[in-house]
């Protein structure tokens, strides 16, 4: 499942400082929960924010506070337990992407 995310988000594999594995997976799962229910703009408006913030969450650039995630899941009528089960499954099936070890001078 997450292999599609890696293909769509080049920075995932590159170890970009602005994205980490957890943020990318959470963003992917939020996007999947949102699809067919509301647009990014509609979710942003419901949160009192703009579409750009939702896009950053879904791209894995913006880290979510746990309370923010619960509000988003509530707005999307997504069960938090089910969401975290999906998150656990994705994290277990996705290897860590580590930067090469730096040698000491």
C-alpha atoms as a PDB file:
ATOM      1  CA  UNK A   1       0.000   0.000   0.000  1.00  0.00           C
ATOM      2  CA  UNK A   2       2.596   2.526   1.047  1.00  0.00           C
ATOM      3  CA  UNK A   3       4.784   1.790  -1.958  1.00  0.00           C
ATOM      4  CA  UNK A   4       2.436   4.134  -3.854  1.00  0.00           C
ATOM      5  CA  UNK A   5       3.238   6.882  -1.358  1.00  0.00           C
ATOM      6  CA  UNK A   6       6.972   6.431  -1.866  1.00  0.00           C
ATOM      7  CA  UNK A   7       6.516   6.733  -5.627  1.00  0.00           C
ATOM      8  CA  UNK A   8       4.372   9.875  -5.365  1.00  0.00           C
ATOM      9  CA  UNK A   9       6.506  11.639  -2.754  1.00  0.00           C
ATOM     10  CA  UNK A  10      10.156  11.685  -3.885  1.00  0.00           C
ATOM     11  CA  UNK A  11      11.399  13.348  -0.681  1.00  0.00           C
ATOM     12  CA  UNK A  12      10.232  10.308   1.319  1.00  0.00           C
ATOM     13  CA  UNK A  13      13.123   8.168   0.173  1.00  0.00           C
ATOM     14  CA  UNK A  14      15.575  11.047   0.111  1.00  0.00           C
ATOM     15  CA  UNK A  15      15.496  11.678   3.832  1.00  0.00           C
ATOM     16  CA  UNK A  16      14.403  15.293   3.525  1.00  0.00           C
ATOM     17  CA  UNK A  17      14.700  17.144   6.813  1.00  0.00           C
ATOM     18  CA  UNK A  18      11.190  18.564   6.458  1.00  0.00           C
ATOM     19  CA  UNK A  19       9.549  15.126   6.151  1.00  0.00           C
ATOM     20  CA  UNK A  20       9.873  12.020   8.217  1.00  0.00           C
ATOM     21  CA  UNK A  21       8.480   8.553   7.837  1.00  0.00           C
ATOM     22  CA  UNK A  22       5.732   9.014  10.436  1.00  0.00           C
ATOM     23  CA  UNK A  23       4.526  12.336   9.022  1.00  0.00           C
ATOM     24  CA  UNK A  24       4.364  10.929   5.495  1.00  0.00           C
ATOM     25  CA  UNK A  25       2.388   7.873   6.600  1.00  0.00           C
ATOM     26  CA  UNK A  26      -0.030   9.911   8.750  1.00  0.00           C
ATOM     27  CA  UNK A  27      -0.515  12.326   5.849  1.00  0.00           C
ATOM     28  CA  UNK A  28      -1.160   9.455   3.458  1.00  0.00           C
ATOM     29  CA  UNK A  29      -3.759   7.966   5.812  1.00  0.00           C
ATOM     30  CA  UNK A  30      -5.463  11.350   6.351  1.00  0.00           C
ATOM     31  CA  UNK A  31      -5.645  11.834   2.579  1.00  0.00           C
ATOM     32  CA  UNK A  32      -7.089   8.354   2.143  1.00  0.00           C
ATOM     33  CA  UNK A  33      -9.708   9.011   4.863  1.00  0.00           C
ATOM     34  CA  UNK A  34     -10.601  12.389   3.310  1.00  0.00           C
ATOM     35  CA  UNK A  35     -11.037  11.196  -0.296  1.00  0.00           C
ATOM     36  CA  UNK A  36     -14.661  11.126  -1.373  1.00  0.00           C
ATOM     37  CA  UNK A  37     -15.832  12.888   1.797  1.00  0.00           C
ATOM     38  CA  UNK A  38     -14.592  16.446   1.355  1.00  0.00           C
ATOM     39  CA  UNK A  39     -12.002  18.474  -0.483  1.00  0.00           C
ATOM     40  CA  UNK A  40      -8.826  19.808   1.079  1.00  0.00           C
ATOM     41  CA  UNK A  41     -10.416  23.270   1.013  1.00  0.00           C
ATOM     42  CA  UNK A  42     -13.532  22.027   2.812  1.00  0.00           C
ATOM     43  CA  UNK A  43     -11.485  20.262   5.487  1.00  0.00           C
ATOM     44  CA  UNK A  44      -9.309  23.339   5.901  1.00  0.00           C
ATOM     45  CA  UNK A  45     -12.383  25.561   6.298  1.00  0.00           C
ATOM     46  CA  UNK A  46     -13.854  23.170   8.881  1.00  0.00           C
ATOM     47  CA  UNK A  47     -10.579  23.455  10.811  1.00  0.00           C
ATOM     48  CA  UNK A  48     -10.512  27.243  10.485  1.00  0.00           C
ATOM     49  CA  UNK A  49      -7.458  27.008   8.231  1.00  0.00           C
ATOM     50  CA  UNK A  50      -6.819  27.017   4.513  1.00  0.00           C
ATOM     51  CA  UNK A  51      -6.366  24.294   1.915  1.00  0.00           C
ATOM     52  CA  UNK A  52      -2.594  24.764   1.997  1.00  0.00           C
ATOM     53  CA  UNK A  53      -2.348  23.473   5.557  1.00  0.00           C
ATOM     54  CA  UNK A  54      -4.287  20.320   4.641  1.00  0.00           C
ATOM     55  CA  UNK A  55      -2.046  19.806   1.602  1.00  0.00           C
ATOM     56  CA  UNK A  56       1.051  20.078   3.828  1.00  0.00           C
ATOM     57  CA  UNK A  57      -0.394  17.536   6.274  1.00  0.00           C
ATOM     58  CA  UNK A  58      -1.169  15.105   3.450  1.00  0.00           C
ATOM     59  CA  UNK A  59       2.294  15.587   1.934  1.00  0.00           C
ATOM     60  CA  UNK A  60       3.923  14.795   5.276  1.00  0.00           C
ATOM     61  CA  UNK A  61       5.470  18.253   5.617  1.00  0.00           C
ATOM     62  CA  UNK A  62       3.364  19.449   8.555  1.00  0.00           C
ATOM     63  CA  UNK A  63       3.437  17.383  11.714  1.00  0.00           C
ATOM     64  CA  UNK A  64       0.110  16.959  13.473  1.00  0.00           C
ATOM     65  CA  UNK A  65      -0.441  17.409  17.179  1.00  0.00           C
ATOM     66  CA  UNK A  66      -2.434  14.399  18.522  1.00  0.00           C
ATOM     67  CA  UNK A  67      -5.394  16.630  19.379  1.00  0.00           C
ATOM     68  CA  UNK A  68      -5.384  18.064  15.827  1.00  0.00           C
ATOM     69  CA  UNK A  69      -5.395  14.548  14.399  1.00  0.00           C
ATOM     70  CA  UNK A  70      -8.373  13.584  16.556  1.00  0.00           C
ATOM     71  CA  UNK A  71     -10.308  16.675  15.396  1.00  0.00           C
ATOM     72  CA  UNK A  72      -9.537  15.809  11.756  1.00  0.00           C
ATOM     73  CA  UNK A  73     -10.620  12.204  12.250  1.00  0.00           C
ATOM     74  CA  UNK A  74     -13.842  13.403  13.888  1.00  0.00           C
ATOM     75  CA  UNK A  75     -14.574  15.755  10.972  1.00  0.00           C
ATOM     76  CA  UNK A  76     -13.972  12.878   8.549  1.00  0.00           C
ATOM     77  CA  UNK A  77     -16.125  10.481  10.627  1.00  0.00           C
ATOM     78  CA  UNK A  78     -13.116   8.158  10.833  1.00  0.00           C
ATOM     79  CA  UNK A  79     -12.776   5.912  13.869  1.00  0.00           C
ATOM     80  CA  UNK A  80      -9.535   6.761  15.698  1.00  0.00           C
ATOM     81  CA  UNK A  81      -8.932   3.128  16.670  1.00  0.00           C
ATOM     82  CA  UNK A  82      -9.255   2.024  13.065  1.00  0.00           C
ATOM     83  CA  UNK A  83      -6.949   4.862  11.945  1.00  0.00           C
ATOM     84  CA  UNK A  84      -4.262   3.858  14.446  1.00  0.00           C
ATOM     85  CA  UNK A  85      -4.577   0.192  13.454  1.00  0.00           C
ATOM     86  CA  UNK A  86      -3.921   1.265   9.852  1.00  0.00           C
ATOM     87  CA  UNK A  87      -1.014   3.432  11.023  1.00  0.00           C
ATOM     88  CA  UNK A  88       0.497   0.526  12.992  1.00  0.00           C
ATOM     89  CA  UNK A  89       0.193  -1.750   9.938  1.00  0.00           C
ATOM     90  CA  UNK A  90       1.814   0.803   7.616  1.00  0.00           C
ATOM     91  CA  UNK A  91       4.644   1.545  10.048  1.00  0.00           C
ATOM     92  CA  UNK A  92       5.364  -2.166  10.485  1.00  0.00           C
ATOM     93  CA  UNK A  93       5.476  -2.755   6.731  1.00  0.00           C
ATOM     94  CA  UNK A  94       7.655   0.246   5.879  1.00  0.00           C
ATOM     95  CA  UNK A  95      11.378   0.082   6.625  1.00  0.00           C
ATOM     96  CA  UNK A  96      13.141   3.036   8.165  1.00  0.00           C
ATOM     97  CA  UNK A  97      14.978   5.254   5.736  1.00  0.00           C
ATOM     98  CA  UNK A  98      18.240   6.201   7.381  1.00  0.00           C
ATOM     99  CA  UNK A  99      20.888   8.597   6.211  1.00  0.00           C
ATOM    100  CA  UNK A 100      24.303   7.080   5.573  1.00  0.00           C
ATOM    101  CA  UNK A 101      26.525   7.135   8.640  1.00  0.00           C
ATOM    102  CA  UNK A 102      28.907  10.033   8.718  1.00  0.00           C
ATOM    103  CA  UNK A 103      32.484   9.299   9.521  1.00  0.00           C
ATOM    104  CA  UNK A 104      34.143  11.370  12.204  1.00  0.00           C
ATOM    105  CA  UNK A 105      36.943  13.652  11.017  1.00  0.00           C
END
